[in-house]
Amino acid sequence: MKKLLFLVSILCGITLLGCNQGPRSSKPRNTSTSGLATIVCDESFKNILDQEIEVFEFTYRNAHIIPYYTSEVAAIDSLLQLKTKLIVTAHELNTQQKEYLRERRGFCRTQRIAVDAIALIVNNNNPCDILSLGEIKEILQGKITDWNEISPNKSGKIAVVFDDQGSSTVQYMRDSLLQGDTIAGNVYAQNSSNAVFEAVEKNKGAIGVIGVSWVSADMKTKEMTTEERVADLNEENVTTTSFNSKIKVLKVRRDDQLEAYQPYQAYIYDARYPLFRNIYAISTSPDGDLSQGFFTFMTGFIGQKIIQQTGILPSVIQPRMVNLN
């Protein structure tokens, strides 16, 4: 009986040990295509990054990317405070920041992944179609406060709507048009880019300042499953984008030009649309790490094609072969 109890206790111990080891052995180890990683992204680019993560995780089933969407300042701070190894932002780091990260992490890579455009959106009932850079500047300075000051227009007082006070969108408009001066006038900061879109839909006098990926998309991929989307991304095909019909995307012209343009990819590419900026991925992760694997994915063929389908300009434009008879 003692021998029997002894054997039973040993068998139970082996069974428990096997149960405890099972989950640990099945846990994906951290490689360039498996494990767990975080990324901090400027909220302006959420629409783009969500699609990148969806396709990456579908392709590499043991990879899990956790995104945090915040202001541009907070994204850069999180990298400098060593809270994450990867960020997406509209600004490069300065020399001191790069040196600091190389000393602490050993690595600091920066890669432009796209060229984004700032879209100006208004309510469909607003008759305004075109703004010059000078008019946009005076609206942001609070010098133009009513739509009727631009052209015959009964839309009333102008309400400028941004996504967030600390966003790169605000910073871009302040730096590029106001040369660092404070934005004045009737200005509102929302909690997200989606909230900007909703505010313009509801308010006839509002003008939203938003990344163009929020209002444009490749319509043929809109209803695709992730599996269908991945298959489509591997094909050689043409991307055709269109703007959301629930709002109006304004044309913008330079002050010394008569022609105005909407933020289509072709006009972003040749700079005829004047409100554009670079988007960067910045990594402090070594090779073989999941954060670096996702960094490589975003800058590779599929990652760049995803960006192209969001309506902005990828950093690497894929060539298209055409046979002529």
C-alpha atoms as a PDB file:
ATOM      1  CA  MET A   1       0.000   0.000   0.000  1.00  0.00           C
ATOM      2  CA  LYS A   2       2.845   2.413   0.828  1.00  0.00           C
ATOM      3  CA  LYS A   3       4.524   1.612  -2.494  1.00  0.00           C
ATOM      4  CA  LEU A   4       1.244   2.199  -4.330  1.00  0.00           C
ATOM      5  CA  LEU A   5       0.710   5.588  -2.657  1.00  0.00           C
ATOM      6  CA  PHE A   6       4.289   6.545  -3.443  1.00  0.00           C
ATOM      7  CA  LEU A   7       3.855   5.701  -7.152  1.00  0.00           C
ATOM      8  CA  VAL A   8       0.544   7.600  -7.303  1.00  0.00           C
ATOM      9  CA  SER A   9       2.142  10.706  -5.759  1.00  0.00           C
ATOM     10  CA  ILE A  10       4.994  10.586  -8.290  1.00  0.00           C
ATOM     11  CA  LEU A  11       2.552  10.255 -11.192  1.00  0.00           C
ATOM     12  CA  CYS A  12       0.496  13.187  -9.895  1.00  0.00           C
ATOM     13  CA  GLY A  13       3.627  15.315  -9.560  1.00  0.00           C
ATOM     14  CA  ILE A  14       4.693  14.511 -13.136  1.00  0.00           C
ATOM     15  CA  THR A  15       1.201  15.369 -14.394  1.00  0.00           C
ATOM     16  CA  LEU A  16       1.144  18.710 -12.566  1.00  0.00           C
ATOM     17  CA  LEU A  17       4.632  19.515 -13.783  1.00  0.00           C
ATOM     18  CA  GLY A  18       3.561  18.809 -17.368  1.00  0.00           C
ATOM     19  CA  CYS A  19       0.515  21.050 -16.961  1.00  0.00           C
ATOM     20  CA  ASN A  20       2.627  23.893 -15.605  1.00  0.00           C
ATOM     21  CA  GLN A  21       5.180  23.600 -18.401  1.00  0.00           C
ATOM     22  CA  GLY A  22       2.602  23.411 -21.219  1.00  0.00           C
ATOM     23  CA  PRO A  23       1.603  27.087 -21.408  1.00  0.00           C
ATOM     24  CA  ARG A  24       5.186  28.296 -20.979  1.00  0.00           C
ATOM     25  CA  SER A  25       6.469  26.167 -23.824  1.00  0.00           C
ATOM     26  CA  SER A  26       3.636  27.350 -26.112  1.00  0.00           C
ATOM     27  CA  LYS A  27       4.231  31.046 -25.392  1.00  0.00           C
ATOM     28  CA  PRO A  28       5.675  32.692 -28.530  1.00  0.00           C
ATOM     29  CA  ARG A  29       9.234  33.798 -28.019  1.00  0.00           C
ATOM     30  CA  ASN A  30      10.281  37.278 -29.072  1.00  0.00           C
ATOM     31  CA  THR A  31      11.619  37.253 -32.628  1.00  0.00           C
ATOM     32  CA  SER A  32      11.146  39.546 -35.586  1.00  0.00           C
ATOM     33  CA  THR A  33       7.826  37.795 -36.339  1.00  0.00           C
ATOM     34  CA  SER A  34       6.621  36.584 -32.935  1.00  0.00           C
ATOM     35  CA  GLY A  35       6.196  37.761 -29.360  1.00  0.00           C
ATOM     36  CA  LEU A  36       4.775  40.951 -27.896  1.00  0.00           C
ATOM     37  CA  ALA A  37       5.714  44.568 -28.673  1.00  0.00           C
ATOM     38  CA  THR A  38       4.284  48.051 -28.120  1.00  0.00           C
ATOM     39  CA  ILE A  39       4.243  51.006 -30.474  1.00  0.00           C
ATOM     40  CA  VAL A  40       3.330  54.618 -29.646  1.00  0.00           C
ATOM     41  CA  CYS A  41       1.827  56.565 -32.517  1.00  0.00           C
ATOM     42  CA  ASP A  42       0.640  60.098 -33.159  1.00  0.00           C
ATOM     43  CA  GLU A  43      -3.159  59.832 -33.100  1.00  0.00           C
ATOM     44  CA  SER A  44      -3.307  61.528 -36.509  1.00  0.00           C
ATOM     45  CA  PHE A  45      -1.953  58.329 -38.063  1.00  0.00           C
ATOM     46  CA  LYS A  46      -4.188  55.832 -36.219  1.00  0.00           C
ATOM     47  CA  ASN A  47      -6.132  54.958 -39.343  1.00  0.00           C
ATOM     48  CA  ILE A  48      -2.901  53.953 -41.099  1.00  0.00           C
ATOM     49  CA  LEU A  49      -1.280  52.055 -38.244  1.00  0.00           C
ATOM     50  CA  ASP A  50      -4.403  50.017 -37.431  1.00  0.00           C
ATOM     51  CA  GLN A  51      -4.317  48.610 -40.959  1.00  0.00           C
ATOM     52  CA  GLU A  52      -0.585  47.871 -40.778  1.00  0.00           C
ATOM     53  CA  ILE A  53      -1.047  45.963 -37.506  1.00  0.00           C
ATOM     54  CA  GLU A  54      -4.072  44.029 -38.791  1.00  0.00           C
ATOM     55  CA  VAL A  55      -2.211  42.684 -41.823  1.00  0.00           C
ATOM     56  CA  PHE A  56       1.035  42.044 -39.913  1.00  0.00           C
ATOM     57  CA  GLU A  57      -0.687  40.033 -37.166  1.00  0.00           C
ATOM     58  CA  PHE A  58      -2.713  38.076 -39.731  1.00  0.00           C
ATOM     59  CA  THR A  59       0.477  37.201 -41.604  1.00  0.00           C
ATOM     60  CA  TYR A  60       2.459  36.335 -38.443  1.00  0.00           C
ATOM     61  CA  ARG A  61      -0.034  34.646 -36.107  1.00  0.00           C
ATOM     62  CA  ASN A  62       2.332  34.589 -33.112  1.00  0.00           C
ATOM     63  CA  ALA A  63       3.050  38.333 -33.290  1.00  0.00           C
ATOM     64  CA  HIS A  64       1.102  40.765 -31.112  1.00  0.00           C
ATOM     65  CA  ILE A  65       1.535  44.535 -31.537  1.00  0.00           C
ATOM     66  CA  ILE A  66      -0.087  46.750 -28.894  1.00  0.00           C
ATOM     67  CA  PRO A  67      -0.585  50.336 -30.154  1.00  0.00           C
ATOM     68  CA  TYR A  68      -0.940  53.442 -27.978  1.00  0.00           C
ATOM     69  CA  TYR A  69      -2.317  56.552 -29.694  1.00  0.00           C
ATOM     70  CA  THR A  70      -1.390  59.901 -28.226  1.00  0.00           C
ATOM     71  CA  SER A  71      -0.033  63.354 -29.073  1.00  0.00           C
ATOM     72  CA  GLU A  72       3.204  63.756 -31.009  1.00  0.00           C
ATOM     73  CA  VAL A  73       4.993  65.176 -27.951  1.00  0.00           C
ATOM     74  CA  ALA A  74       3.914  62.230 -25.786  1.00  0.00           C
ATOM     75  CA  ALA A  75       5.010  59.740 -28.460  1.00  0.00           C
ATOM     76  CA  ILE A  76       8.532  61.178 -28.604  1.00  0.00           C
ATOM     77  CA  ASP A  77       8.693  61.397 -24.796  1.00  0.00           C
ATOM     78  CA  SER A  78       7.774  57.708 -24.485  1.00  0.00           C
ATOM     79  CA  LEU A  79      10.757  56.795 -26.677  1.00  0.00           C
ATOM     80  CA  LEU A  80      13.149  59.069 -24.764  1.00  0.00           C
ATOM     81  CA  GLN A  81      11.875  57.689 -21.437  1.00  0.00           C
ATOM     82  CA  LEU A  82      12.552  54.144 -22.726  1.00  0.00           C
ATOM     83  CA  LYS A  83       8.887  53.136 -22.342  1.00  0.00           C
ATOM     84  CA  THR A  84       8.723  51.836 -25.922  1.00  0.00           C
ATOM     85  CA  LYS A  85      11.132  50.907 -28.698  1.00  0.00           C
ATOM     86  CA  LEU A  86       9.068  52.111 -31.647  1.00  0.00           C
ATOM     87  CA  ILE A  87       7.090  55.242 -32.482  1.00  0.00           C
ATOM     88  CA  VAL A  88       5.407  56.800 -35.522  1.00  0.00           C
ATOM     89  CA  THR A  89       5.468  60.588 -35.735  1.00  0.00           C
ATOM     90  CA  ALA A  90       5.644  63.520 -38.154  1.00  0.00           C
ATOM     91  CA  HIS A  91       8.972  64.805 -36.782  1.00  0.00           C
ATOM     92  CA  GLU A  92      12.471  63.386 -36.755  1.00  0.00           C
ATOM     93  CA  LEU A  93      14.484  63.424 -33.550  1.00  0.00           C
ATOM     94  CA  ASN A  94      17.158  66.069 -33.134  1.00  0.00           C
ATOM     95  CA  THR A  95      20.845  65.212 -32.842  1.00  0.00           C
ATOM     96  CA  GLN A  96      20.905  65.237 -29.020  1.00  0.00           C
ATOM     97  CA  GLN A  97      17.874  62.956 -28.794  1.00  0.00           C
ATOM     98  CA  LYS A  98      19.411  60.469 -31.231  1.00  0.00           C
ATOM     99  CA  GLU A  99      22.722  60.420 -29.344  1.00  0.00           C
ATOM    100  CA  TYR A 100      20.920  59.924 -26.028  1.00  0.00           C
ATOM    101  CA  LEU A 101      18.974  56.931 -27.371  1.00  0.00           C
ATOM    102  CA  ARG A 102      22.073  55.369 -28.920  1.00  0.00           C
ATOM    103  CA  GLU A 103      23.829  55.612 -25.561  1.00  0.00           C
ATOM    104  CA  ARG A 104      20.888  54.054 -23.688  1.00  0.00           C
ATOM    105  CA  ARG A 105      19.595  51.562 -26.267  1.00  0.00           C
ATOM    106  CA  GLY A 106      22.520  51.112 -28.625  1.00  0.00           C
ATOM    107  CA  PHE A 107      20.283  51.683 -31.668  1.00  0.00           C
ATOM    108  CA  CYS A 108      18.276  54.535 -33.175  1.00  0.00           C
ATOM    109  CA  ARG A 109      16.926  54.079 -36.696  1.00  0.00           C
ATOM    110  CA  THR A 110      14.702  56.565 -38.520  1.00  0.00           C
ATOM    111  CA  GLN A 111      12.885  55.831 -41.747  1.00  0.00           C
ATOM    112  CA  ARG A 112      10.391  57.970 -43.650  1.00  0.00           C
ATOM    113  CA  ILE A 113       7.408  55.711 -44.314  1.00  0.00           C
ATOM    114  CA  ALA A 114       4.986  58.114 -46.026  1.00  0.00           C
ATOM    115  CA  VAL A 115       4.125  61.638 -47.114  1.00  0.00           C
ATOM    116  CA  ASP A 116       0.855  62.751 -45.561  1.00  0.00           C
ATOM    117  CA  ALA A 117      -1.375  65.662 -46.579  1.00  0.00           C
ATOM    118  CA  ILE A 118      -3.373  67.904 -44.280  1.00  0.00           C
ATOM    119  CA  ALA A 119      -6.939  67.948 -45.538  1.00  0.00           C
ATOM    120  CA  LEU A 120      -9.304  70.840 -44.879  1.00  0.00           C
ATOM    121  CA  ILE A 121     -12.863  69.559 -44.617  1.00  0.00           C
ATOM    122  CA  VAL A 122     -16.168  71.399 -44.385  1.00  0.00           C
ATOM    123  CA  ASN A 123     -19.850  70.548 -44.182  1.00  0.00           C
ATOM    124  CA  ASN A 124     -21.474  69.535 -47.473  1.00  0.00           C
ATOM    125  CA  ASN A 125     -23.884  72.471 -47.127  1.00  0.00           C
ATOM    126  CA  ASN A 126     -21.032  74.985 -47.048  1.00  0.00           C
ATOM    127  CA  PRO A 127     -20.708  76.517 -50.555  1.00  0.00           C
ATOM    128  CA  CYS A 128     -16.981  77.202 -50.152  1.00  0.00           C
ATOM    129  CA  ASP A 129     -14.820  75.026 -52.435  1.00  0.00           C
ATOM    130  CA  ILE A 130     -11.398  76.717 -52.454  1.00  0.00           C
ATOM    131  CA  LEU A 131      -9.123  78.432 -49.926  1.00  0.00           C
ATOM    132  CA  SER A 132      -5.766  80.095 -50.531  1.00  0.00           C
ATOM    133  CA  LEU A 133      -2.858  79.652 -48.126  1.00  0.00           C
ATOM    134  CA  GLY A 134      -3.229  83.332 -47.178  1.00  0.00           C
ATOM    135  CA  GLU A 135      -6.893  82.861 -46.281  1.00  0.00           C
ATOM    136  CA  ILE A 136      -6.096  79.768 -44.215  1.00  0.00           C
ATOM    137  CA  LYS A 137      -3.399  81.733 -42.377  1.00  0.00           C
ATOM    138  CA  GLU A 138      -5.791  84.580 -41.557  1.00  0.00           C
ATOM    139  CA  ILE A 139      -8.431  82.117 -40.336  1.00  0.00           C
ATOM    140  CA  LEU A 140      -5.875  80.541 -37.986  1.00  0.00           C
ATOM    141  CA  GLN A 141      -4.781  84.016 -36.803  1.00  0.00           C
ATOM    142  CA  GLY A 142      -8.363  84.969 -36.061  1.00  0.00           C
ATOM    143  CA  LYS A 143      -8.369  87.760 -38.672  1.00  0.00           C
ATOM    144  CA  ILE A 144     -11.052  86.070 -40.769  1.00  0.00           C
ATOM    145  CA  THR A 145     -13.883  84.921 -38.505  1.00  0.00           C
ATOM    146  CA  ASP A 146     -16.900  84.565 -40.815  1.00  0.00           C
ATOM    147  CA  TRP A 147     -17.322  82.606 -44.055  1.00  0.00           C
ATOM    148  CA  ASN A 148     -18.892  85.645 -45.676  1.00  0.00           C
ATOM    149  CA  GLU A 149     -15.527  87.454 -45.473  1.00  0.00           C
ATOM    150  CA  ILE A 150     -14.104  84.966 -47.999  1.00  0.00           C
ATOM    151  CA  SER A 151     -16.990  84.855 -50.504  1.00  0.00           C
ATOM    152  CA  PRO A 152     -20.789  85.190 -50.419  1.00  0.00           C
ATOM    153  CA  ASN A 153     -21.587  82.533 -47.858  1.00  0.00           C
ATOM    154  CA  LYS A 154     -24.268  82.132 -45.195  1.00  0.00           C
ATOM    155  CA  SER A 155     -22.491  79.404 -43.203  1.00  0.00           C
ATOM    156  CA  GLY A 156     -21.862  81.852 -40.349  1.00  0.00           C
ATOM    157  CA  LYS A 157     -18.952  82.039 -37.928  1.00  0.00           C
ATOM    158  CA  ILE A 158     -15.891  79.938 -38.725  1.00  0.00           C
ATOM    159  CA  ALA A 159     -15.070  77.248 -36.152  1.00  0.00           C
ATOM    160  CA  VAL A 160     -11.641  75.647 -36.650  1.00  0.00           C
ATOM    161  CA  VAL A 161     -11.591  72.044 -35.424  1.00  0.00           C
ATOM    162  CA  PHE A 162      -8.352  70.125 -34.709  1.00  0.00           C
ATOM    163  CA  ASP A 163      -7.865  66.616 -33.350  1.00  0.00           C
ATOM    164  CA  ASP A 164      -5.789  67.482 -30.263  1.00  0.00           C
ATOM    165  CA  GLN A 165      -3.919  70.500 -28.869  1.00  0.00           C
ATOM    166  CA  GLY A 166      -0.616  68.606 -28.872  1.00  0.00           C
ATOM    167  CA  SER A 167      -1.054  66.805 -32.181  1.00  0.00           C
ATOM    168  CA  SER A 168       1.366  67.026 -35.081  1.00  0.00           C
ATOM    169  CA  THR A 169      -1.471  68.490 -37.170  1.00  0.00           C
ATOM    170  CA  VAL A 170      -1.631  71.552 -34.925  1.00  0.00           C
ATOM    171  CA  GLN A 171       2.159  71.775 -34.866  1.00  0.00           C
ATOM    172  CA  TYR A 172       2.355  71.586 -38.650  1.00  0.00           C
ATOM    173  CA  MET A 173      -0.147  74.388 -39.236  1.00  0.00           C
ATOM    174  CA  ARG A 174       1.536  76.544 -36.592  1.00  0.00           C
ATOM    175  CA  ASP A 175       5.017  76.020 -38.049  1.00  0.00           C
ATOM    176  CA  SER A 176       4.255  76.041 -41.771  1.00  0.00           C
ATOM    177  CA  LEU A 177       1.697  78.839 -41.977  1.00  0.00           C
ATOM    178  CA  LEU A 178       2.111  80.907 -38.812  1.00  0.00           C
ATOM    179  CA  GLN A 179       5.899  80.613 -38.449  1.00  0.00           C
ATOM    180  CA  GLY A 180       5.495  79.517 -34.832  1.00  0.00           C
ATOM    181  CA  ASP A 181       2.841  82.050 -33.781  1.00  0.00           C
ATOM    182  CA  THR A 182      -0.085  80.972 -31.622  1.00  0.00           C
ATOM    183  CA  ILE A 183      -3.276  79.806 -33.316  1.00  0.00           C
ATOM    184  CA  ALA A 184      -6.091  82.199 -32.408  1.00  0.00           C
ATOM    185  CA  GLY A 185      -9.727  82.724 -33.290  1.00  0.00           C
ATOM    186  CA  ASN A 186     -12.610  80.319 -32.791  1.00  0.00           C
ATOM    187  CA  VAL A 187     -10.569  77.110 -32.390  1.00  0.00           C
ATOM    188  CA  TYR A 188     -11.622  73.796 -30.846  1.00  0.00           C
ATOM    189  CA  ALA A 189      -9.580  70.700 -30.021  1.00  0.00           C
ATOM    190  CA  GLN A 190     -11.415  67.370 -30.173  1.00  0.00           C
ATOM    191  CA  ASN A 191     -10.396  64.085 -28.585  1.00  0.00           C
ATOM    192  CA  SER A 192      -9.636  62.292 -31.848  1.00  0.00           C
ATOM    193  CA  SER A 193      -9.590  62.554 -35.623  1.00  0.00           C
ATOM    194  CA  ASN A 194     -12.963  60.792 -35.737  1.00  0.00           C
ATOM    195  CA  ALA A 195     -14.377  63.556 -33.538  1.00  0.00           C
ATOM    196  CA  VAL A 196     -13.148  66.195 -36.025  1.00  0.00           C
ATOM    197  CA  PHE A 197     -14.983  64.389 -38.798  1.00  0.00           C
ATOM    198  CA  GLU A 198     -18.186  64.201 -36.735  1.00  0.00           C
ATOM    199  CA  ALA A 199     -17.996  67.891 -35.738  1.00  0.00           C
ATOM    200  CA  VAL A 200     -17.801  68.977 -39.374  1.00  0.00           C
ATOM    201  CA  GLU A 201     -20.742  66.755 -40.304  1.00  0.00           C
ATOM    202  CA  LYS A 202     -22.897  68.457 -37.668  1.00  0.00           C
ATOM    203  CA  ASN A 203     -21.714  72.091 -37.901  1.00  0.00           C
ATOM    204  CA  LYS A 204     -22.187  74.053 -41.130  1.00  0.00           C
ATOM    205  CA  GLY A 205     -19.638  76.674 -40.069  1.00  0.00           C
ATOM    206  CA  ALA A 206     -16.870  74.274 -39.022  1.00  0.00           C
ATOM    207  CA  ILE A 207     -13.628  73.666 -40.896  1.00  0.00           C
ATOM    208  CA  GLY A 208     -11.772  70.531 -39.879  1.00  0.00           C
ATOM    209  CA  VAL A 209      -7.996  70.158 -40.074  1.00  0.00           C
ATOM    210  CA  ILE A 210      -7.199  66.463 -40.406  1.00  0.00           C
ATOM    211  CA  GLY A 211      -4.826  63.931 -41.981  1.00  0.00           C
ATOM    212  CA  VAL A 212      -6.070  62.972 -45.438  1.00  0.00           C
ATOM    213  CA  SER A 213      -6.106  59.228 -44.644  1.00  0.00           C
ATOM    214  CA  TRP A 214      -9.197  59.872 -42.491  1.00  0.00           C
ATOM    215  CA  VAL A 215     -11.222  61.062 -45.471  1.00  0.00           C
ATOM    216  CA  SER A 216      -9.824  58.966 -48.322  1.00  0.00           C
ATOM    217  CA  ALA A 217      -9.541  55.238 -48.985  1.00  0.00           C
ATOM    218  CA  ASP A 218      -9.201  52.615 -51.684  1.00  0.00           C
ATOM    219  CA  MET A 219     -12.878  51.785 -52.160  1.00  0.00           C
ATOM    220  CA  LYS A 220     -12.326  48.259 -53.502  1.00  0.00           C
ATOM    221  CA  THR A 221     -10.641  47.141 -50.255  1.00  0.00           C
ATOM    222  CA  LYS A 222     -13.300  48.624 -47.965  1.00  0.00           C
ATOM    223  CA  GLU A 223     -15.480  45.488 -47.741  1.00  0.00           C
ATOM    224  CA  MET A 224     -12.657  42.921 -47.923  1.00  0.00           C
ATOM    225  CA  THR A 225     -11.906  40.444 -45.163  1.00  0.00           C
ATOM    226  CA  THR A 226      -8.357  40.495 -43.802  1.00  0.00           C
ATOM    227  CA  GLU A 227      -7.578  37.303 -45.725  1.00  0.00           C
ATOM    228  CA  GLU A 228      -8.829  38.847 -48.974  1.00  0.00           C
ATOM    229  CA  ARG A 229      -6.921  42.024 -48.193  1.00  0.00           C
ATOM    230  CA  VAL A 230      -3.629  40.166 -47.729  1.00  0.00           C
ATOM    231  CA  ALA A 231      -4.139  38.319 -51.022  1.00  0.00           C
ATOM    232  CA  ASP A 232      -4.893  41.612 -52.785  1.00  0.00           C
ATOM    233  CA  LEU A 233      -1.785  43.256 -51.338  1.00  0.00           C
ATOM    234  CA  ASN A 234       0.367  40.567 -52.941  1.00  0.00           C
ATOM    235  CA  GLU A 235      -1.096  41.226 -56.386  1.00  0.00           C
ATOM    236  CA  GLU A 236       0.106  43.825 -58.876  1.00  0.00           C
ATOM    237  CA  ASN A 237      -2.864  46.133 -59.144  1.00  0.00           C
ATOM    238  CA  VAL A 238      -3.881  49.771 -59.205  1.00  0.00           C
ATOM    239  CA  THR A 239      -5.033  51.794 -56.199  1.00  0.00           C
ATOM    240  CA  THR A 240      -7.875  54.235 -56.826  1.00  0.00           C
ATOM    241  CA  THR A 241      -8.806  56.441 -53.899  1.00  0.00           C
ATOM    242  CA  SER A 242     -11.835  58.617 -53.328  1.00  0.00           C
ATOM    243  CA  PHE A 243     -12.978  61.016 -50.606  1.00  0.00           C
ATOM    244  CA  ASN A 244     -15.730  60.344 -48.111  1.00  0.00           C
ATOM    245  CA  SER A 245     -18.974  61.766 -49.462  1.00  0.00           C
ATOM    246  CA  LYS A 246     -20.268  62.767 -45.992  1.00  0.00           C
ATOM    247  CA  ILE A 247     -18.035  65.850 -45.987  1.00  0.00           C
ATOM    248  CA  LYS A 248     -16.447  68.192 -48.549  1.00  0.00           C
ATOM    249  CA  VAL A 249     -12.669  68.249 -49.014  1.00  0.00           C
ATOM    250  CA  LEU A 250     -11.560  71.751 -49.975  1.00  0.00           C
ATOM    251  CA  LYS A 251      -9.154  72.615 -52.749  1.00  0.00           C
ATOM    252  CA  VAL A 252      -6.122  74.661 -51.664  1.00  0.00           C
ATOM    253  CA  ARG A 253      -3.989  77.012 -53.766  1.00  0.00           C
ATOM    254  CA  ARG A 254      -0.806  78.930 -53.205  1.00  0.00           C
ATOM    255  CA  ASP A 255      -1.220  82.709 -53.051  1.00  0.00           C
ATOM    256  CA  ASP A 256       0.709  83.293 -56.288  1.00  0.00           C
ATOM    257  CA  GLN A 257      -1.220  80.647 -58.251  1.00  0.00           C
ATOM    258  CA  LEU A 258      -4.723  80.513 -59.695  1.00  0.00           C
ATOM    259  CA  GLU A 259      -5.082  76.732 -59.811  1.00  0.00           C
ATOM    260  CA  ALA A 260      -6.208  74.951 -56.639  1.00  0.00           C
ATOM    261  CA  TYR A 261      -5.844  71.256 -55.831  1.00  0.00           C
ATOM    262  CA  GLN A 262      -7.352  68.620 -53.573  1.00  0.00           C
ATOM    263  CA  PRO A 263      -5.035  66.268 -51.618  1.00  0.00           C
ATOM    264  CA  TYR A 264      -4.935  63.402 -54.103  1.00  0.00           C
ATOM    265  CA  GLN A 265      -1.775  61.292 -54.194  1.00  0.00           C
ATOM    266  CA  ALA A 266      -0.643  62.657 -57.567  1.00  0.00           C
ATOM    267  CA  TYR A 267      -0.830  66.240 -56.287  1.00  0.00           C
ATOM    268  CA  ILE A 268       0.930  65.329 -53.044  1.00  0.00           C
ATOM    269  CA  TYR A 269       3.669  63.649 -55.086  1.00  0.00           C
ATOM    270  CA  ASP A 270       4.465  66.692 -57.241  1.00  0.00           C
ATOM    271  CA  ALA A 271       3.769  69.200 -54.394  1.00  0.00           C
ATOM    272  CA  ARG A 272       0.961  70.950 -56.255  1.00  0.00           C
ATOM    273  CA  TYR A 273      -1.109  70.396 -53.120  1.00  0.00           C
ATOM    274  CA  PRO A 274       0.790  72.636 -50.681  1.00  0.00           C
ATOM    275  CA  LEU A 275      -0.117  71.185 -47.252  1.00  0.00           C
ATOM    276  CA  PHE A 276       1.976  68.035 -46.869  1.00  0.00           C
ATOM    277  CA  ARG A 277       4.391  66.530 -44.336  1.00  0.00           C
ATOM    278  CA  ASN A 278       6.564  63.446 -43.823  1.00  0.00           C
ATOM    279  CA  ILE A 279       5.701  60.546 -41.526  1.00  0.00           C
ATOM    280  CA  TYR A 280       8.569  58.716 -39.800  1.00  0.00           C
ATOM    281  CA  ALA A 281       8.977  55.414 -38.013  1.00  0.00           C
ATOM    282  CA  ILE A 282      11.673  55.616 -35.327  1.00  0.00           C
ATOM    283  CA  SER A 283      13.044  52.429 -33.754  1.00  0.00           C
ATOM    284  CA  THR A 284      15.520  51.737 -30.944  1.00  0.00           C
ATOM    285  CA  SER A 285      15.070  47.983 -31.252  1.00  0.00           C
ATOM    286  CA  PRO A 286      17.894  45.612 -32.297  1.00  0.00           C
ATOM    287  CA  ASP A 287      17.638  43.176 -35.215  1.00  0.00           C
ATOM    288  CA  GLY A 288      15.724  40.019 -34.338  1.00  0.00           C
ATOM    289  CA  ASP A 289      13.269  41.834 -32.065  1.00  0.00           C
ATOM    290  CA  LEU A 290       9.535  42.076 -32.850  1.00  0.00           C
ATOM    291  CA  SER A 291       9.570  45.880 -32.780  1.00  0.00           C
ATOM    292  CA  GLN A 292      12.288  45.885 -35.437  1.00  0.00           C
ATOM    293  CA  GLY A 293      10.387  43.236 -37.415  1.00  0.00           C
ATOM    294  CA  PHE A 294       7.311  45.474 -37.539  1.00  0.00           C
ATOM    295  CA  PHE A 295       9.516  48.479 -38.432  1.00  0.00           C
ATOM    296  CA  THR A 296      10.873  46.475 -41.385  1.00  0.00           C
ATOM    297  CA  PHE A 297       7.346  45.425 -42.385  1.00  0.00           C
ATOM    298  CA  MET A 298       6.080  49.025 -42.520  1.00  0.00           C
ATOM    299  CA  THR A 299       8.992  50.049 -44.744  1.00  0.00           C
ATOM    300  CA  GLY A 300       8.718  46.960 -46.969  1.00  0.00           C
ATOM    301  CA  PHE A 301       6.607  46.139 -50.033  1.00  0.00           C
ATOM    302  CA  ILE A 302       3.357  45.151 -48.274  1.00  0.00           C
ATOM    303  CA  GLY A 303       3.575  47.866 -45.605  1.00  0.00           C
ATOM    304  CA  GLN A 304       4.103  50.534 -48.244  1.00  0.00           C
ATOM    305  CA  LYS A 305       1.227  49.226 -50.341  1.00  0.00           C
ATOM    306  CA  ILE A 306      -1.088  49.434 -47.310  1.00  0.00           C
ATOM    307  CA  ILE A 307      -0.094  53.096 -46.967  1.00  0.00           C
ATOM    308  CA  GLN A 308      -0.814  53.675 -50.646  1.00  0.00           C
ATOM    309  CA  GLN A 309      -4.333  52.291 -50.180  1.00  0.00           C
ATOM    310  CA  THR A 310      -5.082  54.739 -47.349  1.00  0.00           C
ATOM    311  CA  GLY A 311      -4.899  57.664 -49.774  1.00  0.00           C
ATOM    312  CA  ILE A 312      -1.550  59.127 -48.729  1.00  0.00           C
ATOM    313  CA  LEU A 313       1.771  58.798 -50.529  1.00  0.00           C
ATOM    314  CA  PRO A 314       4.058  55.895 -49.571  1.00  0.00           C
ATOM    315  CA  SER A 315       7.752  56.632 -49.198  1.00  0.00           C
ATOM    316  CA  VAL A 316       8.528  53.905 -51.728  1.00  0.00           C
ATOM    317  CA  ILE A 317       6.199  54.088 -54.721  1.00  0.00           C
ATOM    318  CA  GLN A 318       5.730  50.676 -56.295  1.00  0.00           C
ATOM    319  CA  PRO A 319       6.492  50.655 -60.051  1.00  0.00           C
ATOM    320  CA  ARG A 320       3.756  49.430 -62.363  1.00  0.00           C
ATOM    321  CA  MET A 321       4.594  47.440 -65.492  1.00  0.00           C
ATOM    322  CA  VAL A 322       2.428  48.112 -68.561  1.00  0.00           C
ATOM    323  CA  ASN A 323       2.683  46.082 -71.778  1.00  0.00           C
ATOM    324  CA  LEU A 324       2.079  48.032 -74.979  1.00  0.00           C
ATOM    325  CA  ASN A 325       1.301  46.318 -78.283  1.00  0.00           C
END
